[in-house]
Every structure is written in structure tokens, then in C-alpha cells.
C-alpha atoms as a PDB file:
ATOM      1  CA  MET A   1      93.895  88.272 144.233  1.00  0.00           C
ATOM      2  CA  LYS A   2      91.382  89.357 146.867  1.00  0.00           C
ATOM      3  CA  LEU A   3      89.059  92.280 146.225  1.00  0.00           C
ATOM      4  CA  ASP A   4      88.438  95.155 148.641  1.00  0.00           C
ATOM      5  CA  VAL A   5      85.630  97.579 147.786  1.00  0.00           C
ATOM      6  CA  GLN A   6      84.643 100.924 149.234  1.00  0.00           C
ATOM      7  CA  LEU A   7      81.849 100.876 151.817  1.00  0.00           C
ATOM      8  CA  ASP A   8      79.839 104.042 151.207  1.00  0.00           C
ATOM      9  CA  GLY A   9      80.197 106.573 153.974  1.00  0.00           C
ATOM     10  CA  ARG A  10      76.670 106.949 155.397  1.00  0.00           C
ATOM     11  CA  PRO A  11      76.574 105.033 158.679  1.00  0.00           C
ATOM     12  CA  ASP A  12      72.787 104.529 158.527  1.00  0.00           C
ATOM     13  CA  GLU A  13      73.206 102.588 155.280  1.00  0.00           C
ATOM     14  CA  ALA A  14      76.460 100.819 156.105  1.00  0.00           C
ATOM     15  CA  ALA A  15      75.084  97.481 157.295  1.00  0.00           C
ATOM     16  CA  GLN A  16      72.809  96.993 154.288  1.00  0.00           C
ATOM     17  CA  ARG A  17      75.503  98.019 151.814  1.00  0.00           C
ATOM     18  CA  ALA A  18      78.130  95.859 153.525  1.00  0.00           C
ATOM     19  CA  ARG A  19      75.872  92.813 153.333  1.00  0.00           C
ATOM     20  CA  ALA A  20      75.192  93.419 149.632  1.00  0.00           C
ATOM     21  CA  LEU A  21      78.888  93.740 148.801  1.00  0.00           C
ATOM     22  CA  LEU A  22      79.835  90.649 150.774  1.00  0.00           C
ATOM     23  CA  ASP A  23      77.035  88.681 149.116  1.00  0.00           C
ATOM     24  CA  ALA A  24      78.620  89.726 145.808  1.00  0.00           C
ATOM     25  CA  GLY A  25      81.865  88.030 146.787  1.00  0.00           C
ATOM     26  CA  VAL A  26      84.133  90.871 147.880  1.00  0.00           C
ATOM     27  CA  ASP A  27      86.781  89.985 150.445  1.00  0.00           C
ATOM     28  CA  GLY A  28      87.002  93.230 152.374  1.00  0.00           C
ATOM     29  CA  LEU A  29      85.500  96.677 152.873  1.00  0.00           C
ATOM     30  CA  PHE A  30      87.202 100.024 153.256  1.00  0.00           C
ATOM     31  CA  THR A  31      86.055 103.546 154.016  1.00  0.00           C
ATOM     32  CA  PHE A  32      87.226 106.865 152.642  1.00  0.00           C
ATOM     33  CA  GLU A  33      87.581 110.095 154.633  1.00  0.00           C
ATOM     34  CA  GLY A  34      84.875 112.019 152.770  1.00  0.00           C
ATOM     35  CA  PRO A  35      81.578 113.624 153.787  1.00  0.00           C
ATOM     36  CA  HIS A  36      81.082 111.195 156.674  1.00  0.00           C
ATOM     37  CA  ASP A  37      83.248 109.878 159.488  1.00  0.00           C
ATOM     38  CA  VAL A  38      85.734 107.263 158.318  1.00  0.00           C
ATOM     39  CA  PHE A  39      85.268 104.955 161.311  1.00  0.00           C
ATOM     40  CA  LEU A  40      81.491 104.898 161.893  1.00  0.00           C
ATOM     41  CA  PRO A  41      80.471 102.797 158.847  1.00  0.00           C
ATOM     42  CA  LEU A  42      83.046 100.171 159.811  1.00  0.00           C
ATOM     43  CA  ILE A  43      81.777 100.145 163.387  1.00  0.00           C
ATOM     44  CA  VAL A  44      78.216  99.652 162.130  1.00  0.00           C
ATOM     45  CA  ALA A  45      79.256  96.859 159.756  1.00  0.00           C
ATOM     46  CA  ALA A  46      81.433  95.092 162.321  1.00  0.00           C
ATOM     47  CA  GLY A  47      78.748  95.280 164.987  1.00  0.00           C
ATOM     48  CA  SER A  48      75.833  94.169 162.831  1.00  0.00           C
ATOM     49  CA  SER A  49      74.519  90.638 163.240  1.00  0.00           C
ATOM     50  CA  ASP A  50      73.450  90.780 159.575  1.00  0.00           C
ATOM     51  CA  VAL A  51      77.016  91.311 158.304  1.00  0.00           C
ATOM     52  CA  PRO A  52      79.427  88.348 158.294  1.00  0.00           C
ATOM     53  CA  SER A  53      82.848  88.918 159.827  1.00  0.00           C
ATOM     54  CA  THR A  54      85.058  90.384 157.127  1.00  0.00           C
ATOM     55  CA  ASP A  55      88.227  92.380 156.545  1.00  0.00           C
ATOM     56  CA  LEU A  56      87.740  96.078 157.340  1.00  0.00           C
ATOM     57  CA  MET A  57      90.056  99.022 156.726  1.00  0.00           C
ATOM     58  CA  THR A  58      90.176 102.801 156.879  1.00  0.00           C
ATOM     59  CA  ASN A  59      91.523 103.983 153.555  1.00  0.00           C
ATOM     60  CA  VAL A  60      92.507 106.392 154.850  1.00  0.00           C
ATOM     61  CA  ALA A  61      91.896 108.069 158.192  1.00  0.00           C
ATOM     62  CA  ILE A  62      93.489 111.523 158.039  1.00  0.00           C
ATOM     63  CA  ALA A  63      96.030 111.323 160.816  1.00  0.00           C
ATOM     64  CA  ILE A  64      97.626 114.750 161.255  1.00  0.00           C
ATOM     65  CA  PRO A  65      94.561 116.406 162.869  1.00  0.00           C
ATOM     66  CA  ARG A  66      93.961 113.391 165.133  1.00  0.00           C
ATOM     67  CA  SER A  67      95.727 112.271 168.292  1.00  0.00           C
ATOM     68  CA  PRO A  68      97.649 108.979 168.082  1.00  0.00           C
ATOM     69  CA  MET A  69      95.867 107.988 171.303  1.00  0.00           C
ATOM     70  CA  ASN A  70      92.491 108.490 169.669  1.00  0.00           C
ATOM     71  CA  LEU A  71      93.604 106.497 166.631  1.00  0.00           C
ATOM     72  CA  ALA A  72      94.903 103.687 168.834  1.00  0.00           C
ATOM     73  CA  ASN A  73      91.616 103.503 170.756  1.00  0.00           C
ATOM     74  CA  MET A  74      89.599 103.297 167.548  1.00  0.00           C
ATOM     75  CA  ALA A  75      91.908 100.670 166.082  1.00  0.00           C
ATOM     76  CA  TYR A  76      91.800  98.570 169.250  1.00  0.00           C
ATOM     77  CA  ASP A  77      87.995  98.595 169.434  1.00  0.00           C
ATOM     78  CA  LEU A  78      87.494  97.902 165.730  1.00  0.00           C
ATOM     79  CA  GLN A  79      89.899  95.000 166.058  1.00  0.00           C
ATOM     80  CA  LEU A  80      87.595  93.659 168.776  1.00  0.00           C
ATOM     81  CA  LEU A  81      84.395  94.233 166.810  1.00  0.00           C
ATOM     82  CA  SER A  82      85.796  92.685 163.624  1.00  0.00           C
ATOM     83  CA  LYS A  83      87.295  89.716 165.492  1.00  0.00           C
ATOM     84  CA  GLY A  84      90.829  90.529 164.404  1.00  0.00           C
ATOM     85  CA  ARG A  85      90.139  91.621 160.826  1.00  0.00           C
ATOM     86  CA  PHE A  86      90.747  95.364 161.046  1.00  0.00           C
ATOM     87  CA  ARG A  87      93.577  97.358 159.445  1.00  0.00           C
ATOM     88  CA  LEU A  88      94.179 100.982 160.382  1.00  0.00           C
ATOM     89  CA  GLY A  89      95.052 102.877 157.204  1.00  0.00           C
ATOM     90  CA  LEU A  90      96.423 106.375 157.803  1.00  0.00           C
ATOM     91  CA  GLY A  91      97.119 109.268 155.456  1.00  0.00           C
ATOM     92  CA  SER A  92      98.427 112.823 155.621  1.00  0.00           C
ATOM     93  CA  GLN A  93      96.158 114.763 153.210  1.00  0.00           C
ATOM     94  CA  ILE A  94      97.502 117.989 151.674  1.00  0.00           C
ATOM     95  CA  ARG A  95      98.219 121.336 153.271  1.00  0.00           C
ATOM     96  CA  PRO A  96      95.068 123.295 152.256  1.00  0.00           C
ATOM     97  CA  HIS A  97      92.806 120.603 153.685  1.00  0.00           C
ATOM     98  CA  ILE A  98      94.767 120.272 156.920  1.00  0.00           C
ATOM     99  CA  GLU A  99      94.879 124.012 157.542  1.00  0.00           C
ATOM    100  CA  LYS A 100      91.619 125.248 155.985  1.00  0.00           C
ATOM    101  CA  ARG A 101      89.257 122.271 156.344  1.00  0.00           C
ATOM    102  CA  TYR A 102      90.481 120.630 159.531  1.00  0.00           C
ATOM    103  CA  GLY A 103      91.798 123.824 161.123  1.00  0.00           C
ATOM    104  CA  SER A 104      94.970 122.030 162.104  1.00  0.00           C
ATOM    105  CA  THR A 105      98.692 122.644 161.702  1.00  0.00           C
ATOM    106  CA  TRP A 106     100.735 121.574 158.671  1.00  0.00           C
ATOM    107  CA  SER A 107     104.454 120.853 158.672  1.00  0.00           C
ATOM    108  CA  ARG A 108     106.849 118.197 157.364  1.00  0.00           C
ATOM    109  CA  PRO A 109     104.188 115.615 156.505  1.00  0.00           C
ATOM    110  CA  ALA A 110     106.463 112.589 156.100  1.00  0.00           C
ATOM    111  CA  ALA A 111     108.214 113.233 159.412  1.00  0.00           C
ATOM    112  CA  ARG A 112     104.900 113.713 161.170  1.00  0.00           C
ATOM    113  CA  MET A 113     103.344 110.609 159.629  1.00  0.00           C
ATOM    114  CA  ARG A 114     106.385 108.560 160.622  1.00  0.00           C
ATOM    115  CA  GLU A 115     105.937 109.694 164.195  1.00  0.00           C
ATOM    116  CA  ILE A 116     102.179 109.128 164.221  1.00  0.00           C
ATOM    117  CA  VAL A 117     102.590 105.561 162.949  1.00  0.00           C
ATOM    118  CA  LEU A 118     105.262 104.838 165.540  1.00  0.00           C
ATOM    119  CA  ALA A 119     103.219 106.445 168.328  1.00  0.00           C
ATOM    120  CA  VAL A 120     100.068 104.478 167.494  1.00  0.00           C
ATOM    121  CA  LYS A 121     102.051 101.244 167.379  1.00  0.00           C
ATOM    122  CA  ALA A 122     103.779 102.097 170.676  1.00  0.00           C
ATOM    123  CA  ILE A 123     100.414 102.663 172.381  1.00  0.00           C
ATOM    124  CA  LEU A 124      98.884  99.471 170.989  1.00  0.00           C
ATOM    125  CA  ASN A 125     101.942  97.418 171.911  1.00  0.00           C
ATOM    126  CA  SER A 126     101.978  98.892 175.416  1.00  0.00           C
ATOM    127  CA  TRP A 127      98.416  97.735 175.942  1.00  0.00           C
ATOM    128  CA  GLN A 128      99.194  94.360 174.419  1.00  0.00           C
ATOM    129  CA  ASP A 129     102.315  93.409 176.355  1.00  0.00           C
ATOM    130  CA  GLY A 130     101.941  95.531 179.478  1.00  0.00           C
ATOM    131  CA  THR A 131     105.150  97.527 179.077  1.00  0.00           C
ATOM    132  CA  PRO A 132     105.133 101.135 180.324  1.00  0.00           C
ATOM    133  CA  LEU A 133     104.136 103.663 177.678  1.00  0.00           C
ATOM    134  CA  ASP A 134     107.070 105.951 176.993  1.00  0.00           C
ATOM    135  CA  PHE A 135     106.879 107.507 173.545  1.00  0.00           C
ATOM    136  CA  ARG A 136     108.752 110.782 173.191  1.00  0.00           C
ATOM    137  CA  GLY A 137     108.722 112.304 169.744  1.00  0.00           C
ATOM    138  CA  GLU A 138     109.266 115.658 168.149  1.00  0.00           C
ATOM    139  CA  PHE A 139     105.568 116.286 167.493  1.00  0.00           C
ATOM    140  CA  THR A 140     103.777 114.160 170.071  1.00  0.00           C
ATOM    141  CA  ARG A 141     104.494 112.633 173.477  1.00  0.00           C
ATOM    142  CA  HIS A 142     102.724 109.781 175.247  1.00  0.00           C
ATOM    143  CA  THR A 143     104.121 108.970 178.684  1.00  0.00           C
ATOM    144  CA  LEU A 144     101.016 108.710 180.875  1.00  0.00           C
ATOM    145  CA  MET A 145      98.900 105.558 180.894  1.00  0.00           C
ATOM    146  CA  PRO A 146      97.193 104.924 184.263  1.00  0.00           C
ATOM    147  CA  PRO A 147      95.715 101.430 184.695  1.00  0.00           C
ATOM    148  CA  THR A 148      92.193 102.888 184.490  1.00  0.00           C
ATOM    149  CA  PHE A 149      92.756 103.646 180.802  1.00  0.00           C
ATOM    150  CA  VAL A 150      94.482 100.403 179.795  1.00  0.00           C
ATOM    151  CA  PRO A 151      92.118  98.062 177.896  1.00  0.00           C
ATOM    152  CA  GLY A 152      94.524  95.145 178.303  1.00  0.00           C
ATOM    153  CA  PRO A 153      95.726  92.736 175.634  1.00  0.00           C
ATOM    154  CA  ASN A 154      93.500  92.551 172.605  1.00  0.00           C
ATOM    155  CA  PRO A 155      92.383  88.913 172.224  1.00  0.00           C
ATOM    156  CA  TYR A 156      92.786  89.236 168.446  1.00  0.00           C
ATOM    157  CA  GLY A 157      96.240  90.801 168.554  1.00  0.00           C
ATOM    158  CA  VAL A 158      97.495  94.233 167.542  1.00  0.00           C
ATOM    159  CA  PRO A 159      95.878  95.526 164.322  1.00  0.00           C
ATOM    160  CA  PRO A 160      98.231  96.411 161.461  1.00  0.00           C
ATOM    161  CA  VAL A 161      98.940 100.097 160.864  1.00  0.00           C
ATOM    162  CA  LEU A 162      99.178 101.029 157.181  1.00  0.00           C
ATOM    163  CA  LEU A 163     100.322 104.277 155.590  1.00  0.00           C
ATOM    164  CA  GLY A 164      99.042 105.789 152.354  1.00  0.00           C
ATOM    165  CA  ALA A 165     101.705 107.277 150.076  1.00  0.00           C
ATOM    166  CA  LEU A 166     102.363 108.486 146.562  1.00  0.00           C
ATOM    167  CA  GLY A 167     105.661 110.394 146.480  1.00  0.00           C
ATOM    168  CA  PRO A 168     109.061 108.813 147.171  1.00  0.00           C
ATOM    169  CA  VAL A 169     109.596 110.356 150.632  1.00  0.00           C
ATOM    170  CA  MET A 170     106.258 109.211 152.071  1.00  0.00           C
ATOM    171  CA  THR A 171     106.619 105.836 150.337  1.00  0.00           C
ATOM    172  CA  ARG A 172     110.053 105.314 151.894  1.00  0.00           C
ATOM    173  CA  THR A 173     108.580 106.327 155.242  1.00  0.00           C
ATOM    174  CA  ALA A 174     105.834 103.727 154.926  1.00  0.00           C
ATOM    175  CA  ALA A 175     108.377 101.031 154.076  1.00  0.00           C
ATOM    176  CA  GLU A 176     110.491 101.999 157.076  1.00  0.00           C
ATOM    177  CA  VAL A 177     107.851 102.101 159.832  1.00  0.00           C
ATOM    178  CA  ALA A 178     104.382 100.902 158.748  1.00  0.00           C
ATOM    179  CA  ASP A 179     102.959  97.398 158.501  1.00  0.00           C
ATOM    180  CA  GLY A 180     101.674  98.064 154.999  1.00  0.00           C
ATOM    181  CA  LEU A 181     101.725 100.558 152.139  1.00  0.00           C
ATOM    182  CA  LEU A 182      98.491 101.850 150.646  1.00  0.00           C
ATOM    183  CA  VAL A 183      99.370 102.838 147.085  1.00  0.00           C
ATOM    184  CA  MET A 184      97.257 105.876 146.308  1.00  0.00           C
ATOM    185  CA  PRO A 185      94.784 105.230 143.460  1.00  0.00           C
ATOM    186  CA  PHE A 186      95.984 108.041 141.160  1.00  0.00           C
ATOM    187  CA  HIS A 187      98.972 106.394 139.508  1.00  0.00           C
ATOM    188  CA  SER A 188     100.022 104.636 136.329  1.00  0.00           C
ATOM    189  CA  HIS A 189     101.625 101.245 135.818  1.00  0.00           C
ATOM    190  CA  ARG A 190     104.865 103.025 134.919  1.00  0.00           C
ATOM    191  CA  HIS A 191     104.777 105.277 137.992  1.00  0.00           C
ATOM    192  CA  PHE A 192     104.106 102.281 140.227  1.00  0.00           C
ATOM    193  CA  ARG A 193     107.010 100.291 138.767  1.00  0.00           C
ATOM    194  CA  GLU A 194     109.554 103.097 138.291  1.00  0.00           C
ATOM    195  CA  ARG A 195     108.831 105.271 141.326  1.00  0.00           C
ATOM    196  CA  THR A 196     106.814 103.440 143.984  1.00  0.00           C
ATOM    197  CA  LEU A 197     108.522 100.050 144.097  1.00  0.00           C
ATOM    198  CA  PRO A 198     112.094 101.479 144.097  1.00  0.00           C
ATOM    199  CA  ALA A 199     111.118 103.797 146.978  1.00  0.00           C
ATOM    200  CA  VAL A 200     109.720 100.793 148.862  1.00  0.00           C
ATOM    201  CA  ALA A 201     112.969  98.902 148.339  1.00  0.00           C
ATOM    202  CA  GLU A 202     114.995 101.879 149.546  1.00  0.00           C
ATOM    203  CA  GLY A 203     112.843 102.301 152.650  1.00  0.00           C
ATOM    204  CA  LEU A 204     113.112  98.632 153.540  1.00  0.00           C
ATOM    205  CA  LYS A 205     116.883  98.756 153.126  1.00  0.00           C
ATOM    206  CA  ASN A 206     117.135 101.875 155.300  1.00  0.00           C
ATOM    207  CA  ALA A 207     115.173 100.191 158.083  1.00  0.00           C
ATOM    208  CA  GLY A 208     116.796  96.768 157.750  1.00  0.00           C
ATOM    209  CA  ARG A 209     113.434  95.183 156.977  1.00  0.00           C
ATOM    210  CA  ASP A 210     112.721  92.339 154.563  1.00  0.00           C
ATOM    211  CA  ARG A 211     109.251  93.205 153.301  1.00  0.00           C
ATOM    212  CA  ILE A 212     106.100  95.225 153.705  1.00  0.00           C
ATOM    213  CA  ASP A 213     102.568  94.363 152.649  1.00  0.00           C
ATOM    214  CA  ILE A 214     101.530  96.362 149.584  1.00  0.00           C
ATOM    215  CA  TYR A 215      97.902  97.312 149.035  1.00  0.00           C
ATOM    216  CA  PRO A 216      97.466  98.650 145.483  1.00  0.00           C
ATOM    217  CA  GLN A 217      94.423 100.760 144.722  1.00  0.00           C
ATOM    218  CA  ALA A 218      92.768 101.285 141.371  1.00  0.00           C
ATOM    219  CA  ILE A 219      90.059 103.479 139.917  1.00  0.00           C
ATOM    220  CA  VAL A 220      87.855 101.262 137.769  1.00  0.00           C
ATOM    221  CA  ALA A 221      85.421 102.067 134.927  1.00  0.00           C
ATOM    222  CA  MET A 222      83.544  98.790 134.617  1.00  0.00           C
ATOM    223  CA  GLY A 223      80.396  97.518 132.949  1.00  0.00           C
ATOM    224  CA  GLU A 224      78.829  94.495 131.309  1.00  0.00           C
ATOM    225  CA  ASN A 225      78.546  96.168 127.891  1.00  0.00           C
ATOM    226  CA  PRO A 226      79.960  99.193 126.022  1.00  0.00           C
ATOM    227  CA  GLU A 227      77.118 101.468 127.152  1.00  0.00           C
ATOM    228  CA  GLU A 228      77.635 100.639 130.829  1.00  0.00           C
ATOM    229  CA  ILE A 229      81.410 100.995 130.506  1.00  0.00           C
ATOM    230  CA  GLU A 230      81.146 104.450 128.929  1.00  0.00           C
ATOM    231  CA  ALA A 231      78.663 105.556 131.574  1.00  0.00           C
ATOM    232  CA  ALA A 232      81.073 104.394 134.303  1.00  0.00           C
ATOM    233  CA  ALA A 233      83.927 106.179 132.535  1.00  0.00           C
ATOM    234  CA  ILE A 234      82.283 109.565 133.175  1.00  0.00           C
ATOM    235  CA  GLY A 235      82.607 109.149 136.941  1.00  0.00           C
ATOM    236  CA  VAL A 236      86.159 107.893 136.551  1.00  0.00           C
ATOM    237  CA  LYS A 237      87.153 110.858 134.387  1.00  0.00           C
ATOM    238  CA  ALA A 238      85.675 113.254 136.954  1.00  0.00           C
ATOM    239  CA  LEU A 239      87.725 111.668 139.739  1.00  0.00           C
ATOM    240  CA  LEU A 240      90.900 111.607 137.649  1.00  0.00           C
ATOM    241  CA  ALA A 241      90.379 115.285 136.797  1.00  0.00           C
ATOM    242  CA  PHE A 242      89.976 116.115 140.479  1.00  0.00           C
ATOM    243  CA  TYR A 243      93.141 114.250 141.428  1.00  0.00           C
ATOM    244  CA  GLY A 244      95.010 115.650 138.445  1.00  0.00           C
ATOM    245  CA  SER A 245      94.200 119.227 139.436  1.00  0.00           C
ATOM    246  CA  THR A 246      96.130 118.783 142.696  1.00  0.00           C
ATOM    247  CA  PRO A 247      99.837 119.757 142.575  1.00  0.00           C
ATOM    248  CA  ALA A 248     100.793 116.787 144.772  1.00  0.00           C
ATOM    249  CA  TYR A 249      99.754 114.403 141.986  1.00  0.00           C
ATOM    250  CA  LYS A 250     101.646 116.150 139.189  1.00  0.00           C
ATOM    251  CA  PRO A 251     104.578 113.673 139.300  1.00  0.00           C
ATOM    252  CA  VAL A 252     102.258 110.932 138.046  1.00  0.00           C
ATOM    253  CA  LEU A 253     101.317 113.082 135.059  1.00  0.00           C
ATOM    254  CA  ASP A 254     104.946 114.112 134.559  1.00  0.00           C
ATOM    255  CA  ILE A 255     106.177 110.556 134.140  1.00  0.00           C
ATOM    256  CA  GLU A 256     103.617 110.003 131.363  1.00  0.00           C
ATOM    257  CA  GLY A 257     104.464 113.302 129.627  1.00  0.00           C
ATOM    258  CA  TRP A 258     101.224 115.029 130.679  1.00  0.00           C
ATOM    259  CA  GLY A 259     102.626 117.437 133.275  1.00  0.00           C
ATOM    260  CA  ASP A 260     101.155 120.499 131.532  1.00  0.00           C
ATOM    261  CA  LEU A 261      97.702 119.086 132.188  1.00  0.00           C
ATOM    262  CA  GLN A 262      97.962 119.650 135.953  1.00  0.00           C
ATOM    263  CA  PRO A 263      97.984 123.478 136.024  1.00  0.00           C
ATOM    264  CA  GLU A 264      95.243 123.540 133.391  1.00  0.00           C
ATOM    265  CA  LEU A 265      93.034 121.290 135.510  1.00  0.00           C
ATOM    266  CA  ASN A 266      93.929 123.307 138.597  1.00  0.00           C
ATOM    267  CA  THR A 267      92.805 126.561 136.954  1.00  0.00           C
ATOM    268  CA  LEU A 268      89.506 125.003 135.867  1.00  0.00           C
ATOM    269  CA  SER A 269      88.922 123.554 139.343  1.00  0.00           C
ATOM    270  CA  LYS A 270      89.053 127.057 140.821  1.00  0.00           C
ATOM    271  CA  THR A 271      86.303 128.215 138.464  1.00  0.00           C
ATOM    272  CA  GLY A 272      84.232 125.086 139.060  1.00  0.00           C
ATOM    273  CA  ASP A 273      84.153 124.107 135.383  1.00  0.00           C
ATOM    274  CA  ILE A 274      83.819 120.358 135.913  1.00  0.00           C
ATOM    275  CA  THR A 275      82.632 119.751 132.341  1.00  0.00           C
ATOM    276  CA  LYS A 276      85.829 121.135 130.830  1.00  0.00           C
ATOM    277  CA  MET A 277      87.922 119.259 133.384  1.00  0.00           C
ATOM    278  CA  ILE A 278      86.317 115.959 132.395  1.00  0.00           C
ATOM    279  CA  ALA A 279      86.779 116.758 128.698  1.00  0.00           C
ATOM    280  CA  LEU A 280      90.543 117.002 129.225  1.00  0.00           C
ATOM    281  CA  ILE A 281      90.697 113.363 130.398  1.00  0.00           C
ATOM    282  CA  ASP A 282      90.716 111.420 127.143  1.00  0.00           C
ATOM    283  CA  ASP A 283      90.517 107.651 126.811  1.00  0.00           C
ATOM    284  CA  THR A 284      94.297 107.237 126.683  1.00  0.00           C
ATOM    285  CA  ILE A 285      94.701 109.066 129.979  1.00  0.00           C
ATOM    286  CA  LEU A 286      91.840 107.087 131.495  1.00  0.00           C
ATOM    287  CA  LYS A 287      93.267 103.707 130.518  1.00  0.00           C
ATOM    288  CA  THR A 288      96.727 104.729 131.748  1.00  0.00           C
ATOM    289  CA  LEU A 289      95.672 106.075 135.141  1.00  0.00           C
ATOM    290  CA  ALA A 290      92.654 103.832 135.688  1.00  0.00           C
ATOM    291  CA  VAL A 291      91.242 100.498 134.513  1.00  0.00           C
ATOM    292  CA  LYS A 292      88.423 100.211 131.980  1.00  0.00           C
ATOM    293  CA  GLY A 293      86.410  97.321 130.576  1.00  0.00           C
ATOM    294  CA  THR A 294      84.182  94.387 131.406  1.00  0.00           C
ATOM    295  CA  PRO A 295      84.648  92.669 134.772  1.00  0.00           C
ATOM    296  CA  THR A 296      86.832  90.034 133.129  1.00  0.00           C
ATOM    297  CA  GLU A 297      88.923  92.632 131.290  1.00  0.00           C
ATOM    298  CA  CYS A 298      89.322  94.720 134.445  1.00  0.00           C
ATOM    299  CA  ALA A 299      90.383  91.685 136.465  1.00  0.00           C
ATOM    300  CA  THR A 300      92.969  90.762 133.844  1.00  0.00           C
ATOM    301  CA  GLU A 301      94.413  94.281 133.850  1.00  0.00           C
ATOM    302  CA  LEU A 302      94.502  94.485 137.658  1.00  0.00           C
ATOM    303  CA  LYS A 303      96.360  91.174 137.855  1.00  0.00           C
ATOM    304  CA  THR A 304      98.793  92.317 135.161  1.00  0.00           C
ATOM    305  CA  ARG A 305      99.577  95.447 137.150  1.00  0.00           C
ATOM    306  CA  PHE A 306      99.732  94.080 140.670  1.00  0.00           C
ATOM    307  CA  ALA A 307      99.539  90.276 141.069  1.00  0.00           C
ATOM    308  CA  ASP A 308     103.314  89.823 141.350  1.00  0.00           C
ATOM    309  CA  VAL A 309     103.603  92.203 144.327  1.00  0.00           C
ATOM    310  CA  ALA A 310     100.259  92.008 146.140  1.00  0.00           C
ATOM    311  CA  ASP A 311      97.604  89.469 147.017  1.00  0.00           C
ATOM    312  CA  ARG A 312      94.685  91.918 147.116  1.00  0.00           C
ATOM    313  CA  VAL A 313      93.571  95.129 145.433  1.00  0.00           C
ATOM    314  CA  CYS A 314      91.296  98.001 146.472  1.00  0.00           C
ATOM    315  CA  ALA A 315      88.864  99.038 143.726  1.00  0.00           C
ATOM    316  CA  TYR A 316      87.044 102.364 143.454  1.00  0.00           C
ATOM    317  CA  PHE A 317      83.952 102.701 141.246  1.00  0.00           C
ATOM    318  CA  PRO A 318      83.300 106.464 141.312  1.00  0.00           C
ATOM    319  CA  GLY A 319      79.734 107.427 140.482  1.00  0.00           C
ATOM    320  CA  THR A 320      78.654 103.849 139.783  1.00  0.00           C
ATOM    321  CA  THR A 321      76.781 101.278 141.874  1.00  0.00           C
ATOM    322  CA  HIS A 322      77.244  97.935 140.174  1.00  0.00           C
ATOM    323  CA  PRO A 323      74.741  95.078 140.351  1.00  0.00           C
ATOM    324  CA  LYS A 324      75.675  91.977 142.280  1.00  0.00           C
ATOM    325  CA  LYS A 325      76.506  89.970 139.146  1.00  0.00           C
ATOM    326  CA  THR A 326      79.103  92.492 137.946  1.00  0.00           C
ATOM    327  CA  ILE A 327      80.949  92.646 141.266  1.00  0.00           C
ATOM    328  CA  MET A 328      80.739  88.885 141.626  1.00  0.00           C
ATOM    329  CA  THR A 329      82.358  88.351 138.227  1.00  0.00           C
ATOM    330  CA  LEU A 330      85.195  90.775 139.021  1.00  0.00           C
ATOM    331  CA  ALA A 331      85.846  89.116 142.391  1.00  0.00           C
ATOM    332  CA  ALA A 332      85.795  85.625 140.887  1.00  0.00           C
ATOM    333  CA  GLU A 333      88.061  86.556 137.969  1.00  0.00           C
ATOM    334  CA  LEU A 334      90.598  88.159 140.307  1.00  0.00           C
ATOM    335  CA  LYS A 335      90.929  84.859 142.130  1.00  0.00           C
ATOM    336  CA  THR A 336      91.993  82.979 138.990  1.00  0.00           C
ATOM    337  CA  ARG A 337      95.699  82.702 138.331  1.00  0.00           C
ATOM    338  CA  PRO A 338      97.227  85.167 135.854  1.00  0.00           C
ATOM    339  CA  ALA A 339      97.806  83.726 132.396  1.00  0.00           C
END
């Protein structure tokens, strides 16, 4: 399996960090929509003479507050800069963030994401093959494309458009219209097998499609020794507690019999008691929802979970910056065949 790793969000540090990760043997870099713009670090990395050409991906760009035309422009130009190695990963976010953080409008997220994916692809394909742009949807319309604004065919082709999903409706939507599914990192092996993959199969059947690329994501507590592993586990527990406090992620806890944990975490999140939130994530929960161990142990677990359905995995290391040797071992072990 190939390894994709998060490129930290600060654009002024992106080139140096990208070079370090690539020197450690990772196969691709992705950005997260956090405190910095999701596109700028990728632009810096792709345009730097010090960074070798590599796979780049937004994971994810929050799509509902953005125009499909804006997303298409960014995808087109990053495809140019990366020499054909860019993937546009889109996501919906949740209602409070869309309305209260972005100041945008929330409604029917799966329907809107379906339309955004189709609109972005329609714009990119119009530029690529020269057909008139005529996208008329329920939420967005794109029917004007004067020659002045047409960049022409991209020499590296149209970049893939991926959709992040967790629940069955959004997962089916991704399987029906997107080029790839980004499996959100807060999940268990059981949830992935019993909920995600059946929803993918249903979506493909609905759309008359044969397959879709699947991009699993995993939260990883990794170290070279027990002390490093336990230190990494603190950051992982904090992230799992944050995800677990969100109602949208309760189905993952439900399937493991931990549904009562979600409202408890939610209540603590509103008081800001991070310490108590972390304390609720015991080692059983951590190992079920994340991956923990040495680089070799983590690689083995990731291949067990995903190698039969995907050829690459996105790894998050919350709160931990690993030395080159550790990342290199994980990347190398992922490339060996499963036992």
C-alpha cells in the first residue's frame, strides 16, 4: 500500500515539511481544512523547486460555502502545478460549522454535495473537451463561459474529484457521482465493513458503475518504543474525543456498543473539559477506532483493515511529529505484501 501523510497547514513551512516527508518515503501529501487555507500549502509544495513532483490532495476542501467554479479553477491549476498528480477531495462539514463558522447556508448536505461534484466535473470537462458549459442544478447553475475565461485543455488531464463520507447516504452519493471515496478517519473496522462497503456497493449499483477508488483514512498512535507510543496515544485520544463528541459520528460508536459515550463527550466539549474527554477514551476504544503500535505493527494493522479494497491509506498523527526513520519504516512496511 502507498502512504499519504498530512502536510501541515502553514504555507510558509509547507515546502520544507513536504521535502522532509517525501525524503522519509511517503507517496503523497494531503491538507486538512483547519486553521489555514486548504489549498495554499499544496500550491507552495507543487511550485517549489525543492519538492519533487508527488501526489497531492485536499482532504478535504469544505465545498458547501465555495462555488463549484472556484473549486474547478483551483483543481485545474493544481493539476498543472503538480504535473497531473492532484486530487480534489471535497467534504460537506456539519451544520454548525457551515452556518456559524463559514456564515453560509445549510440544507440537504448529500443532495448539495452530489450537485457540487457534478458541477465541478462539468466545468472541468467543458474546459477539457471544448463543449459548451450547461450545468443546471437545483442549488447552482453554470451556463456562462466566455472564451476569455476558458483555460483550455489541461495537458495532464482532468483531476479526479473525490468525496468524503461517513454515513450511508453520503457514502452512496460518493459511489454514484465521485471519482473516489474518502473514508472519514473516525471509524472502526466493523463500521467500515458493515456500513461503508455495503453503501458503496449500493451506490455503484444505483449508478450502473463498476467501481470507485477508495481512500481509507486512519488515526495512528505510533512510536519506536512503549514510551513514544503512549505519548502519541494522548494526541490520538484527544482527536477521537473531539470526533466522538459530534452527533454525526455517533453511528460509529453505536455499532461498537458505545453510543452513550457521544452525549457525555458532547456535554464535556461544551464546558471545555478536554482532560475528562481524553480520560473517557480508553485503550480498547483507541485500538478499535484508531491504530496503535510500532511502525511495523501499525503497517500490519492498516493492511489487515484496508489492503483488500485500497492501494493506499491516509495516516493522521495528531500531536506528534515523527522522525524520518519512523515514517520511513511505516512507508516501507506498508509496501510489503500482507501475510
